[in-house]
């Protein structure tokens, strides 16, 4: 391994470590080791989960291998699914929704929430289909703790609607993104 590859792997491992609570470092380390050679293309998105500052990667480029799930314990598999929500392939991001949305771990919420600000309408549709099984209290707490992240994600959703979908969904409530964020605001208000 060259010095440059070693530095890149260390930087990737470090960026993954900051995306999850410190208590998960041993589990995140296993996942980071398995996906060496990945790189993040953005400095990340700051969030707070139960008072702990985290930095969620915006997009990760790596040769994903969903066969890795069989080699991971339950927590590592959740971490890996979270990482894959940031994958450059929209189909890969969408496949992780079913693995994550029903979980109550508070550190999963920012990864699912980030998917709600994307342009791939099928991802938004999949999240809306899972709304009844999502843990409202966990998401509501995350939304209250991260009002700026919530607003930026909503603004991104609106921007993509305006750019790609406004002509098709003229009324806002006909577009899935507006319905999602309406529900999320309800969850945020419920204490």
Protein backbone atom coordinates (compact mmCIF):
# COMPACT_ATOMS: atom_id res chain seq x y z
CA UNK A 1 0.00 0.00 0.00
CA UNK A 2 1.38 3.41 -0.94
CA UNK A 3 1.56 6.34 1.43
CA UNK A 4 -1.26 8.06 -0.51
CA UNK A 5 -3.53 4.99 -0.27
CA UNK A 6 -2.81 4.72 3.44
CA UNK A 7 -3.67 8.40 3.96
CA UNK A 8 -6.87 8.02 1.94
CA UNK A 9 -7.95 4.97 3.95
CA UNK A 10 -7.20 6.76 7.22
CA UNK A 11 -9.23 9.80 6.10
CA UNK A 12 -12.17 7.58 5.07
CA UNK A 13 -12.06 5.71 8.36
CA UNK A 14 -11.95 9.01 10.23
CA UNK A 15 -14.93 10.42 8.28
CA UNK A 16 -16.95 7.31 9.09
CA UNK A 17 -15.97 7.53 12.76
CA UNK A 18 -17.39 11.05 12.97
CA UNK A 19 -20.66 9.94 11.35
CA UNK A 20 -21.62 7.68 14.26
CA UNK A 21 -21.69 8.02 18.06
CA UNK A 22 -18.38 7.40 19.82
CA UNK A 23 -19.85 4.34 21.56
CA UNK A 24 -20.02 2.63 18.14
CA UNK A 25 -16.36 3.13 17.20
CA UNK A 26 -15.43 -0.58 17.40
CA UNK A 27 -18.34 -1.50 15.11
CA UNK A 28 -17.71 1.39 12.71
CA UNK A 29 -14.04 0.45 12.57
CA UNK A 30 -14.92 -3.04 11.31
CA UNK A 31 -17.10 -1.56 8.55
CA UNK A 32 -14.47 1.06 7.65
CA UNK A 33 -11.84 -1.67 7.30
CA UNK A 34 -14.11 -3.68 5.00
CA UNK A 35 -14.76 -0.76 2.64
CA UNK A 36 -11.23 0.60 2.39
CA UNK A 37 -10.63 2.57 -0.75
CA UNK A 38 -13.91 4.47 -0.45
CA UNK A 39 -13.88 8.21 -0.60
CA UNK A 40 -16.27 10.93 0.43
CA UNK A 41 -16.73 13.79 -2.02
CA UNK A 42 -18.05 16.41 0.39
CA UNK A 43 -16.95 17.56 3.83
CA UNK A 44 -20.17 16.24 5.34
CA UNK A 45 -23.31 17.40 7.05
CA UNK A 46 -23.16 18.32 10.73
CA UNK A 47 -25.93 16.96 12.96
CA UNK A 48 -26.46 16.35 16.65
CA UNK A 49 -27.77 13.05 18.01
CA UNK A 50 -28.60 13.04 21.72
CA UNK A 51 -26.17 15.88 22.34
CA UNK A 52 -23.29 14.32 20.38
CA UNK A 53 -22.00 16.15 17.31
CA UNK A 54 -21.74 13.94 14.23
CA UNK A 55 -20.84 14.58 10.61
CA UNK A 56 -22.80 12.59 8.03
CA UNK A 57 -21.00 12.02 4.70
CA UNK A 58 -22.85 13.60 1.82
CA UNK A 59 -21.83 11.08 -0.85
CA UNK A 60 -19.50 8.09 -0.72
CA UNK A 61 -17.89 6.43 -3.71
CA UNK A 62 -16.87 2.82 -3.34
CA UNK A 63 -17.46 -0.55 -4.89
CA UNK A 64 -20.27 -1.67 -2.62
CA UNK A 65 -20.84 -5.29 -1.90
CA UNK A 66 -24.13 -6.15 -0.25
CA UNK A 67 -22.73 -9.63 0.36
CA UNK A 68 -20.81 -8.00 3.23
CA UNK A 69 -24.01 -7.96 5.29
CA UNK A 70 -23.63 -11.70 5.89
CA UNK A 71 -20.21 -11.11 7.49
CA UNK A 72 -21.39 -8.41 9.90
CA UNK A 73 -23.07 -8.53 13.28
CA UNK A 74 -26.38 -6.71 13.71
CA UNK A 75 -24.93 -3.31 14.69
CA UNK A 76 -22.25 -3.45 12.00
CA UNK A 77 -24.92 -4.28 9.41
CA UNK A 78 -26.93 -1.23 10.48
CA UNK A 79 -23.80 0.94 10.26
CA UNK A 80 -23.06 -0.43 6.78
CA UNK A 81 -26.65 0.18 5.64
CA UNK A 82 -26.35 3.77 6.91
CA UNK A 83 -23.10 4.19 4.96
CA UNK A 84 -24.79 2.83 1.84
CA UNK A 85 -27.51 5.50 2.11
CA UNK A 86 -24.72 7.88 1.13
CA UNK A 87 -23.60 5.73 -1.84
CA UNK A 88 -23.31 7.40 -5.25
CA UNK A 89 -25.81 4.92 -6.78
CA UNK A 90 -29.45 5.89 -6.13
CA UNK A 91 -30.60 2.27 -6.41
CA UNK A 92 -28.16 1.31 -3.66
CA UNK A 93 -29.42 4.18 -1.47
CA UNK A 94 -33.03 3.13 -2.05
CA UNK A 95 -32.39 -0.51 -1.10
CA UNK A 96 -31.22 0.54 2.36
CA UNK A 97 -34.54 2.15 3.31
CA UNK A 98 -36.20 -1.13 4.22
CA UNK A 99 -33.22 -2.05 6.39
CA UNK A 100 -33.28 1.20 8.35
CA UNK A 101 -36.62 2.97 8.64
CA UNK A 102 -38.16 0.71 11.27
CA UNK A 103 -35.14 0.93 13.60
CA UNK A 104 -35.28 2.96 16.80
CA UNK A 105 -31.55 3.73 17.11
CA UNK A 106 -31.43 7.54 17.14
CA UNK A 107 -28.23 7.65 15.07
CA UNK A 108 -30.06 6.09 12.09
CA UNK A 109 -32.43 9.07 11.72
CA UNK A 110 -29.96 11.49 10.06
CA UNK A 111 -29.15 8.94 7.36
CA UNK A 112 -32.81 8.34 6.53
CA UNK A 113 -33.58 12.04 6.79
CA UNK A 114 -30.80 12.91 4.36
CA UNK A 115 -32.47 10.65 1.78
CA UNK A 116 -35.57 12.87 2.00
CA UNK A 117 -33.70 15.78 0.45
CA UNK A 118 -32.70 13.95 -2.71
CA UNK A 119 -33.96 14.19 -6.26
CA UNK A 120 -34.76 10.47 -6.71
CA UNK A 121 -38.53 10.42 -6.28
CA UNK A 122 -38.59 6.63 -5.87
CA UNK A 123 -36.57 7.05 -2.67
CA UNK A 124 -39.11 9.54 -1.33
CA UNK A 125 -41.95 7.20 -2.31
CA UNK A 126 -40.29 4.29 -0.47
CA UNK A 127 -39.86 6.38 2.68
CA UNK A 128 -43.48 7.52 2.52
CA UNK A 129 -44.60 3.90 2.19
CA UNK A 130 -42.74 3.11 5.43
CA UNK A 131 -44.05 6.09 7.45
CA UNK A 132 -46.43 3.96 9.54
CA UNK A 133 -43.57 1.74 10.72
CA UNK A 134 -41.09 4.53 11.49
CA UNK A 135 -40.37 5.38 15.13
CA UNK A 136 -42.03 8.80 15.37
CA UNK A 137 -40.59 9.73 18.78
CA UNK A 138 -37.02 9.00 17.71
CA UNK A 139 -37.39 10.99 14.50
CA UNK A 140 -39.26 13.80 16.25
CA UNK A 141 -36.45 14.11 18.81
CA UNK A 142 -33.88 14.21 16.00
CA UNK A 143 -35.84 16.92 14.16
CA UNK A 144 -36.11 19.06 17.31
CA UNK A 145 -32.39 18.69 17.98
CA UNK A 146 -31.48 19.61 14.37
CA UNK A 147 -33.75 22.40 13.12
CA UNK A 148 -31.12 23.77 10.69
CA UNK A 149 -30.46 20.31 9.20
CA UNK A 150 -34.23 19.79 8.92
CA UNK A 151 -34.68 23.13 7.15
CA UNK A 152 -31.76 22.60 4.77
CA UNK A 153 -32.98 19.12 3.87
CA UNK A 154 -36.50 20.44 3.26
CA UNK A 155 -35.10 23.30 1.18
CA UNK A 156 -33.12 20.81 -0.91
CA UNK A 157 -36.28 18.74 -1.46
CA UNK A 158 -38.17 21.86 -2.55
CA UNK A 159 -35.37 22.86 -4.92
CA UNK A 160 -35.43 19.43 -6.60
CA UNK A 161 -39.22 19.57 -6.85
CA UNK A 162 -38.96 22.99 -8.46
CA UNK A 163 -36.31 21.82 -10.90
CA UNK A 164 -37.56 18.34 -11.85
CA UNK A 165 -41.14 17.79 -10.72
CA UNK A 166 -43.07 21.08 -10.52
CA UNK A 167 -44.49 20.62 -14.01
CA UNK A 168 -45.84 17.19 -13.04
CA UNK A 169 -46.96 17.99 -9.47
CA UNK A 170 -48.35 21.51 -9.61
CA UNK A 171 -50.06 21.27 -6.21
CA UNK A 172 -47.49 20.84 -3.46
CA UNK A 173 -49.46 18.17 -1.60
CA UNK A 174 -49.44 16.04 -4.74
CA UNK A 175 -45.65 15.77 -4.43
CA UNK A 176 -44.37 13.15 -1.99
CA UNK A 177 -41.64 15.39 -0.55
CA UNK A 178 -44.12 17.95 0.77
CA UNK A 179 -46.22 15.20 2.32
CA UNK A 180 -43.14 13.71 4.03
CA UNK A 181 -42.03 16.99 5.52
CA UNK A 182 -45.57 17.78 6.63
CA UNK A 183 -45.59 14.54 8.58
CA UNK A 184 -42.09 15.19 9.93
CA UNK A 185 -43.20 18.60 11.23
CA UNK A 186 -46.06 16.84 13.07
CA UNK A 187 -43.59 14.40 14.62
CA UNK A 188 -41.31 17.25 15.63
CA UNK A 189 -44.17 19.07 17.36
CA UNK A 190 -45.29 15.97 19.29
CA UNK A 191 -43.35 15.69 22.54
